[in-house]
Amino acid sequence: GIVSNRQQWEHDNWADFADVIEVND
């Protein structure tokens, strides 16, 4: 029932890096 490292990272940082990440098939 507590926030994990995974969840905290996405909450804090996804908006800053989403446009740069490019994932192939």
PDBML (XML) file of the C-alpha atoms, coordinates in Angstrom:
<?xml version="1.0" encoding="UTF-8" ?>
<PDBx:datablock datablockName="MODEL"
   xmlns:PDBx="http://pdbml.pdb.org/schema/pdbx-v50.xsd"
   xmlns:xsi="http://www.w3.org/2001/XMLSchema-instance"
   xsi:schemaLocation="http://pdbml.pdb.org/schema/pdbx-v50.xsd pdbx-v50.xsd">
   <PDBx:atom_siteCategory>
      <PDBx:atom_site id="1">
         <PDBx:B_iso_or_equiv>0.00</PDBx:B_iso_or_equiv>
         <PDBx:Cartn_x>0.000</PDBx:Cartn_x>
         <PDBx:Cartn_y>0.000</PDBx:Cartn_y>
         <PDBx:Cartn_z>0.000</PDBx:Cartn_z>
         <PDBx:auth_asym_id>A</PDBx:auth_asym_id>
         <PDBx:auth_atom_id>CA</PDBx:auth_atom_id>
         <PDBx:auth_comp_id>GLY</PDBx:auth_comp_id>
         <PDBx:auth_seq_id>1</PDBx:auth_seq_id>
         <PDBx:group_PDB>ATOM</PDBx:group_PDB>
         <PDBx:label_alt_id xsi:nil="true" />
         <PDBx:label_asym_id>A</PDBx:label_asym_id>
         <PDBx:label_atom_id>CA</PDBx:label_atom_id>
         <PDBx:label_comp_id>GLY</PDBx:label_comp_id>
         <PDBx:label_entity_id>1</PDBx:label_entity_id>
         <PDBx:label_seq_id>1</PDBx:label_seq_id>
         <PDBx:occupancy>1.00</PDBx:occupancy>
         <PDBx:pdbx_PDB_model_num>1</PDBx:pdbx_PDB_model_num>
         <PDBx:type_symbol>C</PDBx:type_symbol>
      </PDBx:atom_site>
      <PDBx:atom_site id="2">
         <PDBx:B_iso_or_equiv>0.00</PDBx:B_iso_or_equiv>
         <PDBx:Cartn_x>2.909</PDBx:Cartn_x>
         <PDBx:Cartn_y>2.420</PDBx:Cartn_y>
         <PDBx:Cartn_z>-0.381</PDBx:Cartn_z>
         <PDBx:auth_asym_id>A</PDBx:auth_asym_id>
         <PDBx:auth_atom_id>CA</PDBx:auth_atom_id>
         <PDBx:auth_comp_id>ILE</PDBx:auth_comp_id>
         <PDBx:auth_seq_id>2</PDBx:auth_seq_id>
         <PDBx:group_PDB>ATOM</PDBx:group_PDB>
         <PDBx:label_alt_id xsi:nil="true" />
         <PDBx:label_asym_id>A</PDBx:label_asym_id>
         <PDBx:label_atom_id>CA</PDBx:label_atom_id>
         <PDBx:label_comp_id>ILE</PDBx:label_comp_id>
         <PDBx:label_entity_id>1</PDBx:label_entity_id>
         <PDBx:label_seq_id>2</PDBx:label_seq_id>
         <PDBx:occupancy>1.00</PDBx:occupancy>
         <PDBx:pdbx_PDB_model_num>1</PDBx:pdbx_PDB_model_num>
         <PDBx:type_symbol>C</PDBx:type_symbol>
      </PDBx:atom_site>
      <PDBx:atom_site id="3">
         <PDBx:B_iso_or_equiv>0.00</PDBx:B_iso_or_equiv>
         <PDBx:Cartn_x>4.340</PDBx:Cartn_x>
         <PDBx:Cartn_y>4.226</PDBx:Cartn_y>
         <PDBx:Cartn_z>-3.401</PDBx:Cartn_z>
         <PDBx:auth_asym_id>A</PDBx:auth_asym_id>
         <PDBx:auth_atom_id>CA</PDBx:auth_atom_id>
         <PDBx:auth_comp_id>VAL</PDBx:auth_comp_id>
         <PDBx:auth_seq_id>3</PDBx:auth_seq_id>
         <PDBx:group_PDB>ATOM</PDBx:group_PDB>
         <PDBx:label_alt_id xsi:nil="true" />
         <PDBx:label_asym_id>A</PDBx:label_asym_id>
         <PDBx:label_atom_id>CA</PDBx:label_atom_id>
         <PDBx:label_comp_id>VAL</PDBx:label_comp_id>
         <PDBx:label_entity_id>1</PDBx:label_entity_id>
         <PDBx:label_seq_id>3</PDBx:label_seq_id>
         <PDBx:occupancy>1.00</PDBx:occupancy>
         <PDBx:pdbx_PDB_model_num>1</PDBx:pdbx_PDB_model_num>
         <PDBx:type_symbol>C</PDBx:type_symbol>
      </PDBx:atom_site>
      <PDBx:atom_site id="4">
         <PDBx:B_iso_or_equiv>0.00</PDBx:B_iso_or_equiv>
         <PDBx:Cartn_x>7.198</PDBx:Cartn_x>
         <PDBx:Cartn_y>2.310</PDBx:Cartn_y>
         <PDBx:Cartn_z>-4.999</PDBx:Cartn_z>
         <PDBx:auth_asym_id>A</PDBx:auth_asym_id>
         <PDBx:auth_atom_id>CA</PDBx:auth_atom_id>
         <PDBx:auth_comp_id>SER</PDBx:auth_comp_id>
         <PDBx:auth_seq_id>4</PDBx:auth_seq_id>
         <PDBx:group_PDB>ATOM</PDBx:group_PDB>
         <PDBx:label_alt_id xsi:nil="true" />
         <PDBx:label_asym_id>A</PDBx:label_asym_id>
         <PDBx:label_atom_id>CA</PDBx:label_atom_id>
         <PDBx:label_comp_id>SER</PDBx:label_comp_id>
         <PDBx:label_entity_id>1</PDBx:label_entity_id>
         <PDBx:label_seq_id>4</PDBx:label_seq_id>
         <PDBx:occupancy>1.00</PDBx:occupancy>
         <PDBx:pdbx_PDB_model_num>1</PDBx:pdbx_PDB_model_num>
         <PDBx:type_symbol>C</PDBx:type_symbol>
      </PDBx:atom_site>
      <PDBx:atom_site id="5">
         <PDBx:B_iso_or_equiv>0.00</PDBx:B_iso_or_equiv>
         <PDBx:Cartn_x>10.351</PDBx:Cartn_x>
         <PDBx:Cartn_y>3.640</PDBx:Cartn_y>
         <PDBx:Cartn_z>-6.617</PDBx:Cartn_z>
         <PDBx:auth_asym_id>A</PDBx:auth_asym_id>
         <PDBx:auth_atom_id>CA</PDBx:auth_atom_id>
         <PDBx:auth_comp_id>ASN</PDBx:auth_comp_id>
         <PDBx:auth_seq_id>5</PDBx:auth_seq_id>
         <PDBx:group_PDB>ATOM</PDBx:group_PDB>
         <PDBx:label_alt_id xsi:nil="true" />
         <PDBx:label_asym_id>A</PDBx:label_asym_id>
         <PDBx:label_atom_id>CA</PDBx:label_atom_id>
         <PDBx:label_comp_id>ASN</PDBx:label_comp_id>
         <PDBx:label_entity_id>1</PDBx:label_entity_id>
         <PDBx:label_seq_id>5</PDBx:label_seq_id>
         <PDBx:occupancy>1.00</PDBx:occupancy>
         <PDBx:pdbx_PDB_model_num>1</PDBx:pdbx_PDB_model_num>
         <PDBx:type_symbol>C</PDBx:type_symbol>
      </PDBx:atom_site>
      <PDBx:atom_site id="6">
         <PDBx:B_iso_or_equiv>0.00</PDBx:B_iso_or_equiv>
         <PDBx:Cartn_x>8.876</PDBx:Cartn_x>
         <PDBx:Cartn_y>2.762</PDBx:Cartn_y>
         <PDBx:Cartn_z>-10.012</PDBx:Cartn_z>
         <PDBx:auth_asym_id>A</PDBx:auth_asym_id>
         <PDBx:auth_atom_id>CA</PDBx:auth_atom_id>
         <PDBx:auth_comp_id>ARG</PDBx:auth_comp_id>
         <PDBx:auth_seq_id>6</PDBx:auth_seq_id>
         <PDBx:group_PDB>ATOM</PDBx:group_PDB>
         <PDBx:label_alt_id xsi:nil="true" />
         <PDBx:label_asym_id>A</PDBx:label_asym_id>
         <PDBx:label_atom_id>CA</PDBx:label_atom_id>
         <PDBx:label_comp_id>ARG</PDBx:label_comp_id>
         <PDBx:label_entity_id>1</PDBx:label_entity_id>
         <PDBx:label_seq_id>6</PDBx:label_seq_id>
         <PDBx:occupancy>1.00</PDBx:occupancy>
         <PDBx:pdbx_PDB_model_num>1</PDBx:pdbx_PDB_model_num>
         <PDBx:type_symbol>C</PDBx:type_symbol>
      </PDBx:atom_site>
      <PDBx:atom_site id="7">
         <PDBx:B_iso_or_equiv>0.00</PDBx:B_iso_or_equiv>
         <PDBx:Cartn_x>5.722</PDBx:Cartn_x>
         <PDBx:Cartn_y>4.785</PDBx:Cartn_y>
         <PDBx:Cartn_z>-9.375</PDBx:Cartn_z>
         <PDBx:auth_asym_id>A</PDBx:auth_asym_id>
         <PDBx:auth_atom_id>CA</PDBx:auth_atom_id>
         <PDBx:auth_comp_id>GLN</PDBx:auth_comp_id>
         <PDBx:auth_seq_id>7</PDBx:auth_seq_id>
         <PDBx:group_PDB>ATOM</PDBx:group_PDB>
         <PDBx:label_alt_id xsi:nil="true" />
         <PDBx:label_asym_id>A</PDBx:label_asym_id>
         <PDBx:label_atom_id>CA</PDBx:label_atom_id>
         <PDBx:label_comp_id>GLN</PDBx:label_comp_id>
         <PDBx:label_entity_id>1</PDBx:label_entity_id>
         <PDBx:label_seq_id>7</PDBx:label_seq_id>
         <PDBx:occupancy>1.00</PDBx:occupancy>
         <PDBx:pdbx_PDB_model_num>1</PDBx:pdbx_PDB_model_num>
         <PDBx:type_symbol>C</PDBx:type_symbol>
      </PDBx:atom_site>
      <PDBx:atom_site id="8">
         <PDBx:B_iso_or_equiv>0.00</PDBx:B_iso_or_equiv>
         <PDBx:Cartn_x>7.601</PDBx:Cartn_x>
         <PDBx:Cartn_y>7.723</PDBx:Cartn_y>
         <PDBx:Cartn_z>-7.875</PDBx:Cartn_z>
         <PDBx:auth_asym_id>A</PDBx:auth_asym_id>
         <PDBx:auth_atom_id>CA</PDBx:auth_atom_id>
         <PDBx:auth_comp_id>GLN</PDBx:auth_comp_id>
         <PDBx:auth_seq_id>8</PDBx:auth_seq_id>
         <PDBx:group_PDB>ATOM</PDBx:group_PDB>
         <PDBx:label_alt_id xsi:nil="true" />
         <PDBx:label_asym_id>A</PDBx:label_asym_id>
         <PDBx:label_atom_id>CA</PDBx:label_atom_id>
         <PDBx:label_comp_id>GLN</PDBx:label_comp_id>
         <PDBx:label_entity_id>1</PDBx:label_entity_id>
         <PDBx:label_seq_id>8</PDBx:label_seq_id>
         <PDBx:occupancy>1.00</PDBx:occupancy>
         <PDBx:pdbx_PDB_model_num>1</PDBx:pdbx_PDB_model_num>
         <PDBx:type_symbol>C</PDBx:type_symbol>
      </PDBx:atom_site>
      <PDBx:atom_site id="9">
         <PDBx:B_iso_or_equiv>0.00</PDBx:B_iso_or_equiv>
         <PDBx:Cartn_x>9.925</PDBx:Cartn_x>
         <PDBx:Cartn_y>7.972</PDBx:Cartn_y>
         <PDBx:Cartn_z>-10.859</PDBx:Cartn_z>
         <PDBx:auth_asym_id>A</PDBx:auth_asym_id>
         <PDBx:auth_atom_id>CA</PDBx:auth_atom_id>
         <PDBx:auth_comp_id>TRP</PDBx:auth_comp_id>
         <PDBx:auth_seq_id>9</PDBx:auth_seq_id>
         <PDBx:group_PDB>ATOM</PDBx:group_PDB>
         <PDBx:label_alt_id xsi:nil="true" />
         <PDBx:label_asym_id>A</PDBx:label_asym_id>
         <PDBx:label_atom_id>CA</PDBx:label_atom_id>
         <PDBx:label_comp_id>TRP</PDBx:label_comp_id>
         <PDBx:label_entity_id>1</PDBx:label_entity_id>
         <PDBx:label_seq_id>9</PDBx:label_seq_id>
         <PDBx:occupancy>1.00</PDBx:occupancy>
         <PDBx:pdbx_PDB_model_num>1</PDBx:pdbx_PDB_model_num>
         <PDBx:type_symbol>C</PDBx:type_symbol>
      </PDBx:atom_site>
      <PDBx:atom_site id="10">
         <PDBx:B_iso_or_equiv>0.00</PDBx:B_iso_or_equiv>
         <PDBx:Cartn_x>7.053</PDBx:Cartn_x>
         <PDBx:Cartn_y>8.080</PDBx:Cartn_y>
         <PDBx:Cartn_z>-13.323</PDBx:Cartn_z>
         <PDBx:auth_asym_id>A</PDBx:auth_asym_id>
         <PDBx:auth_atom_id>CA</PDBx:auth_atom_id>
         <PDBx:auth_comp_id>GLU</PDBx:auth_comp_id>
         <PDBx:auth_seq_id>10</PDBx:auth_seq_id>
         <PDBx:group_PDB>ATOM</PDBx:group_PDB>
         <PDBx:label_alt_id xsi:nil="true" />
         <PDBx:label_asym_id>A</PDBx:label_asym_id>
         <PDBx:label_atom_id>CA</PDBx:label_atom_id>
         <PDBx:label_comp_id>GLU</PDBx:label_comp_id>
         <PDBx:label_entity_id>1</PDBx:label_entity_id>
         <PDBx:label_seq_id>10</PDBx:label_seq_id>
         <PDBx:occupancy>1.00</PDBx:occupancy>
         <PDBx:pdbx_PDB_model_num>1</PDBx:pdbx_PDB_model_num>
         <PDBx:type_symbol>C</PDBx:type_symbol>
      </PDBx:atom_site>
      <PDBx:atom_site id="11">
         <PDBx:B_iso_or_equiv>0.00</PDBx:B_iso_or_equiv>
         <PDBx:Cartn_x>5.204</PDBx:Cartn_x>
         <PDBx:Cartn_y>10.671</PDBx:Cartn_y>
         <PDBx:Cartn_z>-11.245</PDBx:Cartn_z>
         <PDBx:auth_asym_id>A</PDBx:auth_asym_id>
         <PDBx:auth_atom_id>CA</PDBx:auth_atom_id>
         <PDBx:auth_comp_id>HIS</PDBx:auth_comp_id>
         <PDBx:auth_seq_id>11</PDBx:auth_seq_id>
         <PDBx:group_PDB>ATOM</PDBx:group_PDB>
         <PDBx:label_alt_id xsi:nil="true" />
         <PDBx:label_asym_id>A</PDBx:label_asym_id>
         <PDBx:label_atom_id>CA</PDBx:label_atom_id>
         <PDBx:label_comp_id>HIS</PDBx:label_comp_id>
         <PDBx:label_entity_id>1</PDBx:label_entity_id>
         <PDBx:label_seq_id>11</PDBx:label_seq_id>
         <PDBx:occupancy>1.00</PDBx:occupancy>
         <PDBx:pdbx_PDB_model_num>1</PDBx:pdbx_PDB_model_num>
         <PDBx:type_symbol>C</PDBx:type_symbol>
      </PDBx:atom_site>
      <PDBx:atom_site id="12">
         <PDBx:B_iso_or_equiv>0.00</PDBx:B_iso_or_equiv>
         <PDBx:Cartn_x>8.256</PDBx:Cartn_x>
         <PDBx:Cartn_y>12.931</PDBx:Cartn_y>
         <PDBx:Cartn_z>-10.905</PDBx:Cartn_z>
         <PDBx:auth_asym_id>A</PDBx:auth_asym_id>
         <PDBx:auth_atom_id>CA</PDBx:auth_atom_id>
         <PDBx:auth_comp_id>ASP</PDBx:auth_comp_id>
         <PDBx:auth_seq_id>12</PDBx:auth_seq_id>
         <PDBx:group_PDB>ATOM</PDBx:group_PDB>
         <PDBx:label_alt_id xsi:nil="true" />
         <PDBx:label_asym_id>A</PDBx:label_asym_id>
         <PDBx:label_atom_id>CA</PDBx:label_atom_id>
         <PDBx:label_comp_id>ASP</PDBx:label_comp_id>
         <PDBx:label_entity_id>1</PDBx:label_entity_id>
         <PDBx:label_seq_id>12</PDBx:label_seq_id>
         <PDBx:occupancy>1.00</PDBx:occupancy>
         <PDBx:pdbx_PDB_model_num>1</PDBx:pdbx_PDB_model_num>
         <PDBx:type_symbol>C</PDBx:type_symbol>
      </PDBx:atom_site>
      <PDBx:atom_site id="13">
         <PDBx:B_iso_or_equiv>0.00</PDBx:B_iso_or_equiv>
         <PDBx:Cartn_x>10.082</PDBx:Cartn_x>
         <PDBx:Cartn_y>12.520</PDBx:Cartn_y>
         <PDBx:Cartn_z>-14.207</PDBx:Cartn_z>
         <PDBx:auth_asym_id>A</PDBx:auth_asym_id>
         <PDBx:auth_atom_id>CA</PDBx:auth_atom_id>
         <PDBx:auth_comp_id>ASN</PDBx:auth_comp_id>
         <PDBx:auth_seq_id>13</PDBx:auth_seq_id>
         <PDBx:group_PDB>ATOM</PDBx:group_PDB>
         <PDBx:label_alt_id xsi:nil="true" />
         <PDBx:label_asym_id>A</PDBx:label_asym_id>
         <PDBx:label_atom_id>CA</PDBx:label_atom_id>
         <PDBx:label_comp_id>ASN</PDBx:label_comp_id>
         <PDBx:label_entity_id>1</PDBx:label_entity_id>
         <PDBx:label_seq_id>13</PDBx:label_seq_id>
         <PDBx:occupancy>1.00</PDBx:occupancy>
         <PDBx:pdbx_PDB_model_num>1</PDBx:pdbx_PDB_model_num>
         <PDBx:type_symbol>C</PDBx:type_symbol>
      </PDBx:atom_site>
      <PDBx:atom_site id="14">
         <PDBx:B_iso_or_equiv>0.00</PDBx:B_iso_or_equiv>
         <PDBx:Cartn_x>7.992</PDBx:Cartn_x>
         <PDBx:Cartn_y>11.100</PDBx:Cartn_y>
         <PDBx:Cartn_z>-17.062</PDBx:Cartn_z>
         <PDBx:auth_asym_id>A</PDBx:auth_asym_id>
         <PDBx:auth_atom_id>CA</PDBx:auth_atom_id>
         <PDBx:auth_comp_id>TRP</PDBx:auth_comp_id>
         <PDBx:auth_seq_id>14</PDBx:auth_seq_id>
         <PDBx:group_PDB>ATOM</PDBx:group_PDB>
         <PDBx:label_alt_id xsi:nil="true" />
         <PDBx:label_asym_id>A</PDBx:label_asym_id>
         <PDBx:label_atom_id>CA</PDBx:label_atom_id>
         <PDBx:label_comp_id>TRP</PDBx:label_comp_id>
         <PDBx:label_entity_id>1</PDBx:label_entity_id>
         <PDBx:label_seq_id>14</PDBx:label_seq_id>
         <PDBx:occupancy>1.00</PDBx:occupancy>
         <PDBx:pdbx_PDB_model_num>1</PDBx:pdbx_PDB_model_num>
         <PDBx:type_symbol>C</PDBx:type_symbol>
      </PDBx:atom_site>
      <PDBx:atom_site id="15">
         <PDBx:B_iso_or_equiv>0.00</PDBx:B_iso_or_equiv>
         <PDBx:Cartn_x>6.900</PDBx:Cartn_x>
         <PDBx:Cartn_y>14.501</PDBx:Cartn_y>
         <PDBx:Cartn_z>-18.391</PDBx:Cartn_z>
         <PDBx:auth_asym_id>A</PDBx:auth_asym_id>
         <PDBx:auth_atom_id>CA</PDBx:auth_atom_id>
         <PDBx:auth_comp_id>ALA</PDBx:auth_comp_id>
         <PDBx:auth_seq_id>15</PDBx:auth_seq_id>
         <PDBx:group_PDB>ATOM</PDBx:group_PDB>
         <PDBx:label_alt_id xsi:nil="true" />
         <PDBx:label_asym_id>A</PDBx:label_asym_id>
         <PDBx:label_atom_id>CA</PDBx:label_atom_id>
         <PDBx:label_comp_id>ALA</PDBx:label_comp_id>
         <PDBx:label_entity_id>1</PDBx:label_entity_id>
         <PDBx:label_seq_id>15</PDBx:label_seq_id>
         <PDBx:occupancy>1.00</PDBx:occupancy>
         <PDBx:pdbx_PDB_model_num>1</PDBx:pdbx_PDB_model_num>
         <PDBx:type_symbol>C</PDBx:type_symbol>
      </PDBx:atom_site>
      <PDBx:atom_site id="16">
         <PDBx:B_iso_or_equiv>0.00</PDBx:B_iso_or_equiv>
         <PDBx:Cartn_x>10.529</PDBx:Cartn_x>
         <PDBx:Cartn_y>15.655</PDBx:Cartn_y>
         <PDBx:Cartn_z>-18.628</PDBx:Cartn_z>
         <PDBx:auth_asym_id>A</PDBx:auth_asym_id>
         <PDBx:auth_atom_id>CA</PDBx:auth_atom_id>
         <PDBx:auth_comp_id>ASP</PDBx:auth_comp_id>
         <PDBx:auth_seq_id>16</PDBx:auth_seq_id>
         <PDBx:group_PDB>ATOM</PDBx:group_PDB>
         <PDBx:label_alt_id xsi:nil="true" />
         <PDBx:label_asym_id>A</PDBx:label_asym_id>
         <PDBx:label_atom_id>CA</PDBx:label_atom_id>
         <PDBx:label_comp_id>ASP</PDBx:label_comp_id>
         <PDBx:label_entity_id>1</PDBx:label_entity_id>
         <PDBx:label_seq_id>16</PDBx:label_seq_id>
         <PDBx:occupancy>1.00</PDBx:occupancy>
         <PDBx:pdbx_PDB_model_num>1</PDBx:pdbx_PDB_model_num>
         <PDBx:type_symbol>C</PDBx:type_symbol>
      </PDBx:atom_site>
      <PDBx:atom_site id="17">
         <PDBx:B_iso_or_equiv>0.00</PDBx:B_iso_or_equiv>
         <PDBx:Cartn_x>11.765</PDBx:Cartn_x>
         <PDBx:Cartn_y>12.672</PDBx:Cartn_y>
         <PDBx:Cartn_z>-20.634</PDBx:Cartn_z>
         <PDBx:auth_asym_id>A</PDBx:auth_asym_id>
         <PDBx:auth_atom_id>CA</PDBx:auth_atom_id>
         <PDBx:auth_comp_id>PHE</PDBx:auth_comp_id>
         <PDBx:auth_seq_id>17</PDBx:auth_seq_id>
         <PDBx:group_PDB>ATOM</PDBx:group_PDB>
         <PDBx:label_alt_id xsi:nil="true" />
         <PDBx:label_asym_id>A</PDBx:label_asym_id>
         <PDBx:label_atom_id>CA</PDBx:label_atom_id>
         <PDBx:label_comp_id>PHE</PDBx:label_comp_id>
         <PDBx:label_entity_id>1</PDBx:label_entity_id>
         <PDBx:label_seq_id>17</PDBx:label_seq_id>
         <PDBx:occupancy>1.00</PDBx:occupancy>
         <PDBx:pdbx_PDB_model_num>1</PDBx:pdbx_PDB_model_num>
         <PDBx:type_symbol>C</PDBx:type_symbol>
      </PDBx:atom_site>
      <PDBx:atom_site id="18">
         <PDBx:B_iso_or_equiv>0.00</PDBx:B_iso_or_equiv>
         <PDBx:Cartn_x>8.805</PDBx:Cartn_x>
         <PDBx:Cartn_y>11.216</PDBx:Cartn_y>
         <PDBx:Cartn_z>-22.535</PDBx:Cartn_z>
         <PDBx:auth_asym_id>A</PDBx:auth_asym_id>
         <PDBx:auth_atom_id>CA</PDBx:auth_atom_id>
         <PDBx:auth_comp_id>ALA</PDBx:auth_comp_id>
         <PDBx:auth_seq_id>18</PDBx:auth_seq_id>
         <PDBx:group_PDB>ATOM</PDBx:group_PDB>
         <PDBx:label_alt_id xsi:nil="true" />
         <PDBx:label_asym_id>A</PDBx:label_asym_id>
         <PDBx:label_atom_id>CA</PDBx:label_atom_id>
         <PDBx:label_comp_id>ALA</PDBx:label_comp_id>
         <PDBx:label_entity_id>1</PDBx:label_entity_id>
         <PDBx:label_seq_id>18</PDBx:label_seq_id>
         <PDBx:occupancy>1.00</PDBx:occupancy>
         <PDBx:pdbx_PDB_model_num>1</PDBx:pdbx_PDB_model_num>
         <PDBx:type_symbol>C</PDBx:type_symbol>
      </PDBx:atom_site>
      <PDBx:atom_site id="19">
         <PDBx:B_iso_or_equiv>0.00</PDBx:B_iso_or_equiv>
         <PDBx:Cartn_x>9.495</PDBx:Cartn_x>
         <PDBx:Cartn_y>13.174</PDBx:Cartn_y>
         <PDBx:Cartn_z>-25.728</PDBx:Cartn_z>
         <PDBx:auth_asym_id>A</PDBx:auth_asym_id>
         <PDBx:auth_atom_id>CA</PDBx:auth_atom_id>
         <PDBx:auth_comp_id>ASP</PDBx:auth_comp_id>
         <PDBx:auth_seq_id>19</PDBx:auth_seq_id>
         <PDBx:group_PDB>ATOM</PDBx:group_PDB>
         <PDBx:label_alt_id xsi:nil="true" />
         <PDBx:label_asym_id>A</PDBx:label_asym_id>
         <PDBx:label_atom_id>CA</PDBx:label_atom_id>
         <PDBx:label_comp_id>ASP</PDBx:label_comp_id>
         <PDBx:label_entity_id>1</PDBx:label_entity_id>
         <PDBx:label_seq_id>19</PDBx:label_seq_id>
         <PDBx:occupancy>1.00</PDBx:occupancy>
         <PDBx:pdbx_PDB_model_num>1</PDBx:pdbx_PDB_model_num>
         <PDBx:type_symbol>C</PDBx:type_symbol>
      </PDBx:atom_site>
      <PDBx:atom_site id="20">
         <PDBx:B_iso_or_equiv>0.00</PDBx:B_iso_or_equiv>
         <PDBx:Cartn_x>13.102</PDBx:Cartn_x>
         <PDBx:Cartn_y>11.965</PDBx:Cartn_y>
         <PDBx:Cartn_z>-25.919</PDBx:Cartn_z>
         <PDBx:auth_asym_id>A</PDBx:auth_asym_id>
         <PDBx:auth_atom_id>CA</PDBx:auth_atom_id>
         <PDBx:auth_comp_id>VAL</PDBx:auth_comp_id>
         <PDBx:auth_seq_id>20</PDBx:auth_seq_id>
         <PDBx:group_PDB>ATOM</PDBx:group_PDB>
         <PDBx:label_alt_id xsi:nil="true" />
         <PDBx:label_asym_id>A</PDBx:label_asym_id>
         <PDBx:label_atom_id>CA</PDBx:label_atom_id>
         <PDBx:label_comp_id>VAL</PDBx:label_comp_id>
         <PDBx:label_entity_id>1</PDBx:label_entity_id>
         <PDBx:label_seq_id>20</PDBx:label_seq_id>
         <PDBx:occupancy>1.00</PDBx:occupancy>
         <PDBx:pdbx_PDB_model_num>1</PDBx:pdbx_PDB_model_num>
         <PDBx:type_symbol>C</PDBx:type_symbol>
      </PDBx:atom_site>
      <PDBx:atom_site id="21">
         <PDBx:B_iso_or_equiv>0.00</PDBx:B_iso_or_equiv>
         <PDBx:Cartn_x>12.510</PDBx:Cartn_x>
         <PDBx:Cartn_y>8.248</PDBx:Cartn_y>
         <PDBx:Cartn_z>-25.376</PDBx:Cartn_z>
         <PDBx:auth_asym_id>A</PDBx:auth_asym_id>
         <PDBx:auth_atom_id>CA</PDBx:auth_atom_id>
         <PDBx:auth_comp_id>ILE</PDBx:auth_comp_id>
         <PDBx:auth_seq_id>21</PDBx:auth_seq_id>
         <PDBx:group_PDB>ATOM</PDBx:group_PDB>
         <PDBx:label_alt_id xsi:nil="true" />
         <PDBx:label_asym_id>A</PDBx:label_asym_id>
         <PDBx:label_atom_id>CA</PDBx:label_atom_id>
         <PDBx:label_comp_id>ILE</PDBx:label_comp_id>
         <PDBx:label_entity_id>1</PDBx:label_entity_id>
         <PDBx:label_seq_id>21</PDBx:label_seq_id>
         <PDBx:occupancy>1.00</PDBx:occupancy>
         <PDBx:pdbx_PDB_model_num>1</PDBx:pdbx_PDB_model_num>
         <PDBx:type_symbol>C</PDBx:type_symbol>
      </PDBx:atom_site>
      <PDBx:atom_site id="22">
         <PDBx:B_iso_or_equiv>0.00</PDBx:B_iso_or_equiv>
         <PDBx:Cartn_x>12.182</PDBx:Cartn_x>
         <PDBx:Cartn_y>6.266</PDBx:Cartn_y>
         <PDBx:Cartn_z>-28.629</PDBx:Cartn_z>
         <PDBx:auth_asym_id>A</PDBx:auth_asym_id>
         <PDBx:auth_atom_id>CA</PDBx:auth_atom_id>
         <PDBx:auth_comp_id>GLU</PDBx:auth_comp_id>
         <PDBx:auth_seq_id>22</PDBx:auth_seq_id>
         <PDBx:group_PDB>ATOM</PDBx:group_PDB>
         <PDBx:label_alt_id xsi:nil="true" />
         <PDBx:label_asym_id>A</PDBx:label_asym_id>
         <PDBx:label_atom_id>CA</PDBx:label_atom_id>
         <PDBx:label_comp_id>GLU</PDBx:label_comp_id>
         <PDBx:label_entity_id>1</PDBx:label_entity_id>
         <PDBx:label_seq_id>22</PDBx:label_seq_id>
         <PDBx:occupancy>1.00</PDBx:occupancy>
         <PDBx:pdbx_PDB_model_num>1</PDBx:pdbx_PDB_model_num>
         <PDBx:type_symbol>C</PDBx:type_symbol>
      </PDBx:atom_site>
      <PDBx:atom_site id="23">
         <PDBx:B_iso_or_equiv>0.00</PDBx:B_iso_or_equiv>
         <PDBx:Cartn_x>11.344</PDBx:Cartn_x>
         <PDBx:Cartn_y>2.556</PDBx:Cartn_y>
         <PDBx:Cartn_z>-28.323</PDBx:Cartn_z>
         <PDBx:auth_asym_id>A</PDBx:auth_asym_id>
         <PDBx:auth_atom_id>CA</PDBx:auth_atom_id>
         <PDBx:auth_comp_id>VAL</PDBx:auth_comp_id>
         <PDBx:auth_seq_id>23</PDBx:auth_seq_id>
         <PDBx:group_PDB>ATOM</PDBx:group_PDB>
         <PDBx:label_alt_id xsi:nil="true" />
         <PDBx:label_asym_id>A</PDBx:label_asym_id>
         <PDBx:label_atom_id>CA</PDBx:label_atom_id>
         <PDBx:label_comp_id>VAL</PDBx:label_comp_id>
         <PDBx:label_entity_id>1</PDBx:label_entity_id>
         <PDBx:label_seq_id>23</PDBx:label_seq_id>
         <PDBx:occupancy>1.00</PDBx:occupancy>
         <PDBx:pdbx_PDB_model_num>1</PDBx:pdbx_PDB_model_num>
         <PDBx:type_symbol>C</PDBx:type_symbol>
      </PDBx:atom_site>
      <PDBx:atom_site id="24">
         <PDBx:B_iso_or_equiv>0.00</PDBx:B_iso_or_equiv>
         <PDBx:Cartn_x>11.626</PDBx:Cartn_x>
         <PDBx:Cartn_y>0.191</PDBx:Cartn_y>
         <PDBx:Cartn_z>-31.274</PDBx:Cartn_z>
         <PDBx:auth_asym_id>A</PDBx:auth_asym_id>
         <PDBx:auth_atom_id>CA</PDBx:auth_atom_id>
         <PDBx:auth_comp_id>ASN</PDBx:auth_comp_id>
         <PDBx:auth_seq_id>24</PDBx:auth_seq_id>
         <PDBx:group_PDB>ATOM</PDBx:group_PDB>
         <PDBx:label_alt_id xsi:nil="true" />
         <PDBx:label_asym_id>A</PDBx:label_asym_id>
         <PDBx:label_atom_id>CA</PDBx:label_atom_id>
         <PDBx:label_comp_id>ASN</PDBx:label_comp_id>
         <PDBx:label_entity_id>1</PDBx:label_entity_id>
         <PDBx:label_seq_id>24</PDBx:label_seq_id>
         <PDBx:occupancy>1.00</PDBx:occupancy>
         <PDBx:pdbx_PDB_model_num>1</PDBx:pdbx_PDB_model_num>
         <PDBx:type_symbol>C</PDBx:type_symbol>
      </PDBx:atom_site>
      <PDBx:atom_site id="25">
         <PDBx:B_iso_or_equiv>0.00</PDBx:B_iso_or_equiv>
         <PDBx:Cartn_x>9.460</PDBx:Cartn_x>
         <PDBx:Cartn_y>-2.882</PDBx:Cartn_y>
         <PDBx:Cartn_z>-31.803</PDBx:Cartn_z>
         <PDBx:auth_asym_id>A</PDBx:auth_asym_id>
         <PDBx:auth_atom_id>CA</PDBx:auth_atom_id>
         <PDBx:auth_comp_id>ASP</PDBx:auth_comp_id>
         <PDBx:auth_seq_id>25</PDBx:auth_seq_id>
         <PDBx:group_PDB>ATOM</PDBx:group_PDB>
         <PDBx:label_alt_id xsi:nil="true" />
         <PDBx:label_asym_id>A</PDBx:label_asym_id>
         <PDBx:label_atom_id>CA</PDBx:label_atom_id>
         <PDBx:label_comp_id>ASP</PDBx:label_comp_id>
         <PDBx:label_entity_id>1</PDBx:label_entity_id>
         <PDBx:label_seq_id>25</PDBx:label_seq_id>
         <PDBx:occupancy>1.00</PDBx:occupancy>
         <PDBx:pdbx_PDB_model_num>1</PDBx:pdbx_PDB_model_num>
         <PDBx:type_symbol>C</PDBx:type_symbol>
      </PDBx:atom_site>
   </PDBx:atom_siteCategory>
</PDBx:datablock>
